[in-house]
Amino acid sequence: MTLGSDPSPESGRNAFLGARRWIGDLGVSGGPMIVGFVADALALPNAVLVIALSGLAAGGVFGFLVPETLQKKRRLPTGKLMDNKK
């Protein structure tokens, strides 16, 4: 939820989060069907490896392409705090 709410726009936040939830629900409900198709095509042990590798690939995409949303404050040499906002 945090990953979607941080970059969501001020106006239309409910619609943005609703669409995000709908896409997530499609993935949750479609996941078993995809596993079934892969298992039917490759046999179950190979399907487990394919699904595990696709999960690792998705984690890599998130790790490298999703920006950090936490904005830390820096301390200036004068001792004052400065925002790192872009």
N, C-alpha and C. Protein backbone atom coordinates (compact mmCIF):
# COMPACT_ATOMS: atom_id res chain seq x y z
N MET A 1 0.82 -1.18 0.00
CA MET A 1 0.00 0.00 0.00
C MET A 1 0.87 1.25 0.00
N THR A 2 1.95 1.25 0.74
CA THR A 2 2.82 2.42 0.80
C THR A 2 3.46 2.69 -0.55
N LEU A 3 3.82 1.63 -1.25
CA LEU A 3 4.46 1.81 -2.55
C LEU A 3 3.53 2.52 -3.52
N GLY A 4 2.23 2.33 -3.38
CA GLY A 4 1.27 3.00 -4.25
C GLY A 4 0.83 4.35 -3.74
N SER A 5 0.77 4.53 -2.42
CA SER A 5 0.23 5.78 -1.89
C SER A 5 1.25 6.91 -1.91
N ASP A 6 2.52 6.61 -1.81
CA ASP A 6 3.53 7.68 -1.82
C ASP A 6 3.55 8.45 -3.14
N PRO A 7 3.60 7.78 -4.30
CA PRO A 7 3.65 8.55 -5.55
C PRO A 7 2.28 8.92 -6.11
N SER A 8 1.20 8.55 -5.43
CA SER A 8 -0.13 8.83 -5.98
C SER A 8 -0.42 10.32 -5.98
N PRO A 9 -1.19 10.78 -6.97
CA PRO A 9 -1.49 12.21 -7.05
C PRO A 9 -2.46 12.64 -5.95
N GLU A 10 -2.39 13.91 -5.57
CA GLU A 10 -3.29 14.44 -4.54
C GLU A 10 -4.74 14.33 -4.98
N SER A 11 -5.01 14.78 -6.20
CA SER A 11 -6.37 14.66 -6.71
C SER A 11 -6.51 13.32 -7.42
N GLY A 12 -7.53 12.59 -7.09
CA GLY A 12 -7.74 11.28 -7.70
C GLY A 12 -6.99 10.16 -7.02
N ARG A 13 -6.59 10.35 -5.77
CA ARG A 13 -5.83 9.32 -5.06
C ARG A 13 -6.65 8.03 -4.92
N ASN A 14 -7.95 8.16 -4.65
CA ASN A 14 -8.79 6.97 -4.49
C ASN A 14 -8.85 6.16 -5.77
N ALA A 15 -9.01 6.82 -6.90
CA ALA A 15 -9.06 6.12 -8.18
C ALA A 15 -7.71 5.46 -8.49
N PHE A 16 -6.63 6.16 -8.18
CA PHE A 16 -5.28 5.63 -8.43
C PHE A 16 -5.07 4.36 -7.61
N LEU A 17 -5.38 4.42 -6.32
CA LEU A 17 -5.18 3.26 -5.46
C LEU A 17 -6.14 2.13 -5.80
N GLY A 18 -7.35 2.48 -6.23
CA GLY A 18 -8.30 1.45 -6.66
C GLY A 18 -7.81 0.71 -7.90
N ALA A 19 -7.28 1.47 -8.87
CA ALA A 19 -6.74 0.83 -10.07
C ALA A 19 -5.53 -0.03 -9.74
N ARG A 20 -4.70 0.45 -8.83
CA ARG A 20 -3.54 -0.33 -8.41
C ARG A 20 -3.97 -1.62 -7.73
N ARG A 21 -4.97 -1.53 -6.89
CA ARG A 21 -5.48 -2.72 -6.21
C ARG A 21 -6.09 -3.70 -7.20
N TRP A 22 -6.81 -3.19 -8.20
CA TRP A 22 -7.42 -4.04 -9.20
C TRP A 22 -6.36 -4.79 -10.01
N ILE A 23 -5.30 -4.10 -10.39
CA ILE A 23 -4.21 -4.75 -11.12
C ILE A 23 -3.54 -5.81 -10.25
N GLY A 24 -3.34 -5.50 -8.97
CA GLY A 24 -2.77 -6.49 -8.05
C GLY A 24 -3.66 -7.71 -7.88
N ASP A 25 -4.98 -7.48 -7.80
CA ASP A 25 -5.91 -8.60 -7.68
C ASP A 25 -5.92 -9.46 -8.93
N LEU A 26 -5.75 -8.83 -10.10
CA LEU A 26 -5.64 -9.62 -11.33
C LEU A 26 -4.42 -10.54 -11.28
N GLY A 27 -3.33 -10.03 -10.77
CA GLY A 27 -2.13 -10.85 -10.65
C GLY A 27 -2.29 -11.98 -9.66
N VAL A 28 -2.97 -11.69 -8.53
CA VAL A 28 -3.18 -12.74 -7.52
C VAL A 28 -4.10 -13.82 -8.04
N SER A 29 -5.15 -13.41 -8.74
CA SER A 29 -6.09 -14.42 -9.25
C SER A 29 -5.57 -15.11 -10.50
N GLY A 30 -4.74 -14.45 -11.27
CA GLY A 30 -4.21 -15.05 -12.49
C GLY A 30 -2.96 -15.88 -12.26
N GLY A 31 -2.31 -15.71 -11.10
CA GLY A 31 -1.09 -16.45 -10.81
C GLY A 31 -1.24 -17.96 -10.87
N PRO A 32 -2.25 -18.54 -10.21
CA PRO A 32 -2.42 -19.99 -10.29
C PRO A 32 -2.68 -20.47 -11.71
N MET A 33 -3.39 -19.67 -12.51
CA MET A 33 -3.65 -20.06 -13.89
C MET A 33 -2.35 -20.08 -14.69
N ILE A 34 -1.49 -19.10 -14.46
CA ILE A 34 -0.20 -19.06 -15.16
C ILE A 34 0.67 -20.25 -14.75
N VAL A 35 0.67 -20.57 -13.45
CA VAL A 35 1.43 -21.74 -12.99
C VAL A 35 0.89 -23.00 -13.66
N GLY A 36 -0.43 -23.11 -13.78
CA GLY A 36 -1.02 -24.27 -14.44
C GLY A 36 -0.62 -24.38 -15.90
N PHE A 37 -0.63 -23.26 -16.61
CA PHE A 37 -0.22 -23.28 -18.02
C PHE A 37 1.25 -23.66 -18.17
N VAL A 38 2.09 -23.11 -17.32
CA VAL A 38 3.53 -23.43 -17.39
C VAL A 38 3.75 -24.89 -17.02
N ALA A 39 3.05 -25.37 -16.00
CA ALA A 39 3.21 -26.78 -15.60
C ALA A 39 2.71 -27.72 -16.69
N ASP A 40 1.66 -27.32 -17.37
CA ASP A 40 1.14 -28.15 -18.47
C ASP A 40 2.14 -28.19 -19.63
N ALA A 41 2.82 -27.09 -19.87
CA ALA A 41 3.76 -27.03 -20.99
C ALA A 41 5.11 -27.66 -20.66
N LEU A 42 5.57 -27.56 -19.40
CA LEU A 42 6.94 -27.96 -19.09
C LEU A 42 7.08 -29.10 -18.08
N ALA A 43 6.05 -29.49 -17.41
CA ALA A 43 6.06 -30.43 -16.29
C ALA A 43 6.26 -29.64 -14.99
N LEU A 44 5.71 -30.16 -13.92
CA LEU A 44 5.64 -29.42 -12.66
C LEU A 44 7.00 -29.01 -12.10
N PRO A 45 8.02 -29.87 -12.05
CA PRO A 45 9.31 -29.43 -11.49
C PRO A 45 9.93 -28.26 -12.26
N ASN A 46 9.80 -28.29 -13.58
CA ASN A 46 10.32 -27.18 -14.38
C ASN A 46 9.49 -25.92 -14.19
N ALA A 47 8.18 -26.08 -14.01
CA ALA A 47 7.30 -24.93 -13.79
C ALA A 47 7.68 -24.22 -12.50
N VAL A 48 8.05 -24.99 -11.47
CA VAL A 48 8.46 -24.38 -10.20
C VAL A 48 9.68 -23.49 -10.42
N LEU A 49 10.64 -23.96 -11.19
CA LEU A 49 11.84 -23.17 -11.47
C LEU A 49 11.52 -21.92 -12.28
N VAL A 50 10.66 -22.07 -13.28
CA VAL A 50 10.30 -20.91 -14.12
C VAL A 50 9.59 -19.85 -13.28
N ILE A 51 8.66 -20.26 -12.44
CA ILE A 51 7.92 -19.30 -11.61
C ILE A 51 8.86 -18.66 -10.58
N ALA A 52 9.76 -19.44 -10.00
CA ALA A 52 10.71 -18.88 -9.03
C ALA A 52 11.63 -17.87 -9.70
N LEU A 53 12.11 -18.17 -10.89
CA LEU A 53 12.98 -17.23 -11.61
C LEU A 53 12.23 -15.97 -12.02
N SER A 54 10.96 -16.12 -12.39
CA SER A 54 10.19 -14.92 -12.74
C SER A 54 9.95 -14.06 -11.50
N GLY A 55 9.79 -14.67 -10.34
CA GLY A 55 9.66 -13.91 -9.09
C GLY A 55 10.95 -13.17 -8.75
N LEU A 56 12.07 -13.82 -8.94
CA LEU A 56 13.37 -13.15 -8.71
C LEU A 56 13.58 -12.01 -9.69
N ALA A 57 13.16 -12.22 -10.94
CA ALA A 57 13.29 -11.16 -11.94
C ALA A 57 12.41 -9.96 -11.57
N ALA A 58 11.20 -10.24 -11.10
CA ALA A 58 10.31 -9.15 -10.68
C ALA A 58 10.90 -8.40 -9.49
N GLY A 59 11.51 -9.13 -8.57
CA GLY A 59 12.18 -8.47 -7.44
C GLY A 59 13.33 -7.60 -7.89
N GLY A 60 14.06 -8.06 -8.89
CA GLY A 60 15.15 -7.26 -9.44
C GLY A 60 14.65 -5.99 -10.12
N VAL A 61 13.54 -6.11 -10.83
CA VAL A 61 12.94 -4.92 -11.46
C VAL A 61 12.55 -3.91 -10.40
N PHE A 62 11.90 -4.37 -9.34
CA PHE A 62 11.52 -3.45 -8.27
C PHE A 62 12.76 -2.85 -7.60
N GLY A 63 13.76 -3.67 -7.37
CA GLY A 63 14.95 -3.18 -6.69
C GLY A 63 15.71 -2.12 -7.47
N PHE A 64 15.73 -2.25 -8.79
CA PHE A 64 16.52 -1.33 -9.60
C PHE A 64 15.72 -0.19 -10.23
N LEU A 65 14.43 -0.39 -10.45
CA LEU A 65 13.67 0.62 -11.19
C LEU A 65 12.69 1.43 -10.35
N VAL A 66 12.31 0.95 -9.18
CA VAL A 66 11.36 1.69 -8.35
C VAL A 66 12.16 2.64 -7.46
N PRO A 67 11.90 3.94 -7.57
CA PRO A 67 12.69 4.91 -6.79
C PRO A 67 12.31 4.90 -5.31
N GLU A 68 13.25 5.28 -4.48
CA GLU A 68 13.01 5.42 -3.04
C GLU A 68 12.12 6.63 -2.81
N THR A 69 11.11 6.49 -1.97
CA THR A 69 10.19 7.59 -1.72
C THR A 69 10.47 8.29 -0.40
N LEU A 70 11.32 7.72 0.43
CA LEU A 70 11.65 8.35 1.71
C LEU A 70 12.54 9.56 1.48
N GLN A 71 12.12 10.71 1.97
CA GLN A 71 12.91 11.93 1.83
C GLN A 71 13.58 12.22 3.17
N LYS A 72 14.87 11.98 3.25
CA LYS A 72 15.62 12.24 4.48
C LYS A 72 16.09 13.69 4.51
N LYS A 73 16.22 14.21 5.69
CA LYS A 73 16.73 15.58 5.85
C LYS A 73 18.24 15.51 6.09
N ARG A 74 18.96 16.44 5.45
CA ARG A 74 20.40 16.51 5.64
C ARG A 74 20.73 17.63 6.61
N ARG A 75 21.79 17.45 7.34
CA ARG A 75 22.24 18.50 8.26
C ARG A 75 23.35 19.29 7.57
N LEU A 76 23.15 20.59 7.50
CA LEU A 76 24.14 21.48 6.89
C LEU A 76 25.30 21.70 7.85
N PRO A 77 26.43 22.17 7.34
CA PRO A 77 27.57 22.44 8.24
C PRO A 77 27.22 23.44 9.35
N THR A 78 26.21 24.26 9.11
CA THR A 78 25.81 25.23 10.14
C THR A 78 24.99 24.58 11.24
N GLY A 79 24.59 23.33 11.05
CA GLY A 79 23.79 22.63 12.05
C GLY A 79 22.30 22.62 11.74
N LYS A 80 21.87 23.38 10.73
CA LYS A 80 20.46 23.41 10.37
C LYS A 80 20.12 22.22 9.49
N LEU A 81 18.83 21.82 9.52
CA LEU A 81 18.36 20.73 8.68
C LEU A 81 17.89 21.26 7.35
N MET A 82 18.17 20.51 6.28
CA MET A 82 17.74 20.89 4.94
C MET A 82 16.98 19.74 4.33
N ASP A 83 15.84 20.02 3.70
CA ASP A 83 15.07 18.98 3.02
C ASP A 83 15.77 18.57 1.73
N ASN A 84 15.64 17.28 1.40
CA ASN A 84 16.21 16.76 0.15
C ASN A 84 15.14 16.69 -0.93
N LYS A 85 14.11 17.49 -0.87
CA LYS A 85 13.04 17.42 -1.86
C LYS A 85 13.54 17.90 -3.20
N LYS A 86 13.02 17.26 -4.23
CA LYS A 86 13.46 17.59 -5.59
C LYS A 86 12.66 18.73 -6.14
